[in-house]
Amino acid sequence: MEQWKPVKGYEDLYEVSDLGDVRRSGGGRGTAAGRLLHPVSNGNYLKVHLSRHNKARQVYVHHLVAEAFIGDRSAGMWVNHKDTNKLNNSAANLEYVTPLENTRHAIANGRSNHAGEHNGAAKLTRAKVAQIRSLASTGLTHGEIGRLFGVKKNTVCQIVNNKTWKDRQSEPDVRIIA
């Protein structure tokens, strides 16, 4: 059976359920009590518009559910979707975690890829890595190759010896023609 609780700060106007639904609890101008709100997606998470005194604000549904059914969120804590489905806003699927725990959970469940050129600090691309490997096979030293690409000799050594940039399946075919 779906359970309903008042939305904090809007207790006389809105309720949220443990299944992730949001509805009007009190009638407003032209709005009947009990009407479900239709959440919108920002591409990732569901949001609803809450309004009081002609001032509307968008809030994430998972934040409303967590606050009502888990409790107040401590400073610095995030709401995590245990099953990694950002559209599953049931109370049983939500938990408070630190940002680090949230990131580890996402990586462990294949929801985050910050490796290779997807890393914001990456200086190289897959194409450049392929060129580095190809140049290394021509006899250029790791130091010379590093200077060409603006990286350290040790970085080139790790690439050539497959210590970093290990996934060669999606690496473009780059051949040096002498």
Protein backbone atom coordinates (compact mmCIF):
# COMPACT_ATOMS: atom_id res chain seq x y z
CA MET A 1 0.00 0.00 0.00
CA GLU A 2 1.40 3.36 -1.05
CA GLN A 3 2.19 5.65 1.90
CA TRP A 4 1.93 9.43 1.70
CA LYS A 5 3.67 12.12 3.74
CA PRO A 6 3.58 15.93 3.55
CA VAL A 7 6.29 17.70 1.57
CA LYS A 8 8.49 19.69 3.94
CA GLY A 9 7.84 23.40 3.53
CA TYR A 10 4.62 22.71 1.60
CA GLU A 11 2.79 20.62 4.20
CA ASP A 12 -0.63 22.12 3.48
CA LEU A 13 -0.27 21.86 -0.30
CA TYR A 14 1.66 18.76 -1.41
CA GLU A 15 2.33 15.14 -0.43
CA VAL A 16 4.95 12.67 -1.60
CA SER A 17 4.63 8.90 -1.60
CA ASP A 18 7.12 6.16 -0.79
CA LEU A 19 6.79 5.07 -4.45
CA GLY A 20 7.95 8.44 -5.76
CA ASP A 21 4.62 10.08 -6.65
CA VAL A 22 3.80 13.69 -5.75
CA ARG A 23 0.27 15.08 -5.44
CA ARG A 24 -1.67 18.11 -4.29
CA SER A 25 -2.98 17.66 -0.75
CA GLY A 26 -4.97 20.87 -0.65
CA GLY A 27 -6.86 22.50 -3.48
CA GLY A 28 -5.30 25.52 -5.05
CA ARG A 29 -6.54 27.97 -7.60
CA GLY A 30 -8.20 25.74 -10.22
CA THR A 31 -6.54 22.61 -8.82
CA ALA A 32 -8.26 19.74 -7.07
CA ALA A 33 -6.78 18.03 -4.03
CA GLY A 34 -5.36 14.57 -4.74
CA ARG A 35 -4.25 15.39 -8.29
CA LEU A 36 -0.92 13.77 -9.15
CA LEU A 37 1.78 16.07 -10.44
CA HIS A 38 3.44 15.07 -13.68
CA PRO A 39 7.20 15.09 -13.24
CA VAL A 40 9.48 16.32 -15.99
CA SER A 41 12.95 15.01 -16.70
CA ASN A 42 16.08 17.07 -17.13
CA GLY A 43 17.59 14.15 -19.02
CA ASN A 44 18.63 12.41 -15.81
CA TYR A 45 16.33 13.02 -12.87
CA LEU A 46 12.62 13.67 -12.44
CA LYS A 47 11.50 17.09 -11.19
CA VAL A 48 8.17 18.58 -10.18
CA HIS A 49 7.02 22.19 -9.88
CA LEU A 50 5.83 23.19 -6.42
CA SER A 51 4.05 26.50 -6.00
CA ARG A 52 3.13 28.66 -3.04
CA HIS A 53 1.95 32.30 -3.11
CA ASN A 54 2.46 32.52 -6.89
CA LYS A 55 6.10 31.47 -6.55
CA ALA A 56 7.01 28.21 -8.27
CA ARG A 57 10.13 26.19 -7.79
CA GLN A 58 11.42 23.00 -9.37
CA VAL A 59 12.54 20.25 -7.02
CA TYR A 60 13.92 16.78 -7.60
CA VAL A 61 11.45 14.02 -6.77
CA HIS A 62 14.16 11.83 -5.21
CA HIS A 63 15.03 14.66 -2.80
CA LEU A 64 11.39 14.95 -1.71
CA VAL A 65 11.04 11.19 -1.19
CA ALA A 66 14.31 10.90 0.74
CA GLU A 67 13.49 13.83 3.00
CA ALA A 68 10.01 12.49 3.78
CA PHE A 69 10.87 8.80 4.26
CA ILE A 70 14.56 8.68 5.24
CA GLY A 71 14.79 11.96 7.15
CA ASP A 72 16.68 15.22 6.91
CA ARG A 73 19.82 15.12 4.83
CA SER A 74 23.04 16.08 6.62
CA ALA A 75 25.20 18.75 5.05
CA GLY A 76 27.40 17.36 2.30
CA MET A 77 25.37 14.17 1.81
CA TRP A 78 23.87 13.14 -1.53
CA VAL A 79 20.84 11.03 -2.39
CA ASN A 80 21.94 7.79 -4.09
CA HIS A 81 19.75 5.49 -6.20
CA LYS A 82 20.75 2.01 -5.02
CA ASP A 83 19.76 0.31 -8.29
CA THR A 84 21.43 3.12 -10.36
CA ASN A 85 18.09 3.84 -12.08
CA LYS A 86 17.64 7.59 -11.67
CA LEU A 87 13.95 7.28 -12.50
CA ASN A 88 13.25 4.82 -9.66
CA ASN A 89 12.44 7.21 -6.84
CA SER A 90 10.91 4.72 -4.41
CA ALA A 91 12.00 5.22 -0.81
CA ALA A 92 13.38 1.66 -0.67
CA ASN A 93 15.75 2.55 -3.54
CA LEU A 94 17.19 5.71 -1.98
CA GLU A 95 19.91 6.29 0.60
CA TYR A 96 22.11 9.14 1.80
CA VAL A 97 25.80 8.81 0.90
CA THR A 98 28.88 10.98 0.75
CA PRO A 99 29.96 12.27 -2.69
CA LEU A 100 32.86 9.78 -2.63
CA GLU A 101 30.52 6.87 -1.85
CA ASN A 102 28.22 8.04 -4.66
CA THR A 103 31.10 8.10 -7.14
CA ARG A 104 32.36 4.69 -6.06
CA HIS A 105 28.84 3.27 -6.39
CA ALA A 106 28.49 4.71 -9.91
CA ILE A 107 31.87 3.32 -11.02
CA ALA A 108 31.23 -0.10 -9.44
CA ASN A 109 27.94 -0.32 -11.34
CA GLY A 110 29.30 0.89 -14.69
CA ARG A 111 27.50 4.25 -14.54
CA SER A 112 30.58 6.46 -14.68
CA ASN A 113 33.51 6.43 -17.03
CA HIS A 114 36.27 8.90 -16.36
CA ALA A 115 39.04 6.86 -17.93
CA GLY A 116 41.14 7.85 -20.90
CA GLU A 117 40.05 10.87 -22.88
CA HIS A 118 36.82 11.07 -20.84
CA ASN A 119 38.92 12.27 -17.92
CA GLY A 120 38.85 16.06 -17.79
CA ALA A 121 42.57 16.16 -16.98
CA ALA A 122 43.59 13.94 -19.93
CA LYS A 123 46.23 15.44 -22.22
CA LEU A 124 45.95 12.65 -24.77
CA THR A 125 43.28 11.14 -26.97
CA ARG A 126 43.00 7.56 -28.24
CA ALA A 127 44.34 8.70 -31.61
CA LYS A 128 47.44 10.27 -29.98
CA VAL A 129 47.99 7.13 -27.88
CA ALA A 130 47.90 5.06 -31.07
CA GLN A 131 50.44 7.43 -32.63
CA ILE A 132 52.69 7.15 -29.57
CA ARG A 133 52.67 3.35 -29.78
CA SER A 134 53.33 3.47 -33.49
CA LEU A 135 56.21 5.95 -33.10
CA ALA A 136 57.76 3.82 -30.35
CA SER A 137 57.96 0.92 -32.81
CA THR A 138 59.99 3.09 -35.23
CA GLY A 139 62.87 3.48 -32.79
CA LEU A 140 62.20 6.97 -31.42
CA THR A 141 63.04 7.19 -27.73
CA HIS A 142 60.34 7.66 -25.13
CA GLY A 143 61.81 11.06 -24.30
CA GLU A 144 61.61 12.21 -27.93
CA ILE A 145 58.03 11.00 -28.24
CA GLY A 146 57.11 12.67 -24.94
CA ARG A 147 58.42 16.02 -26.19
CA LEU A 148 56.36 15.67 -29.40
CA PHE A 149 53.14 15.16 -27.40
CA GLY A 150 53.89 17.37 -24.39
CA VAL A 151 54.01 14.51 -21.88
CA LYS A 152 56.75 13.01 -19.73
CA LYS A 153 58.99 10.16 -20.84
CA ASN A 154 57.50 8.00 -18.08
CA THR A 155 53.98 8.56 -19.49
CA VAL A 156 55.13 7.32 -22.90
CA CYS A 157 56.80 4.31 -21.27
CA GLN A 158 53.58 3.40 -19.43
CA ILE A 159 51.53 3.69 -22.63
CA VAL A 160 53.96 1.61 -24.70
CA ASN A 161 54.10 -1.08 -21.99
CA ASN A 162 50.28 -1.14 -21.60
CA LYS A 163 50.34 0.09 -18.01
CA THR A 164 47.94 2.90 -18.98
CA TRP A 165 45.52 3.32 -21.90
CA LYS A 166 45.06 -0.47 -21.93
CA ASP A 167 41.88 -0.71 -24.02
CA ARG A 168 43.23 -1.09 -27.52
CA GLN A 169 40.00 -2.39 -29.06
CA SER A 170 38.64 1.08 -29.76
CA GLU A 171 42.02 2.53 -30.63
CA PRO A 172 42.20 3.89 -34.18
CA ASP A 173 44.56 2.28 -36.66
CA VAL A 174 47.45 4.71 -37.10
CA ARG A 175 50.42 3.66 -39.15
CA ILE A 176 53.57 5.65 -39.66
CA ILE A 177 54.68 5.44 -43.26
CA ALA A 178 58.42 5.90 -43.62
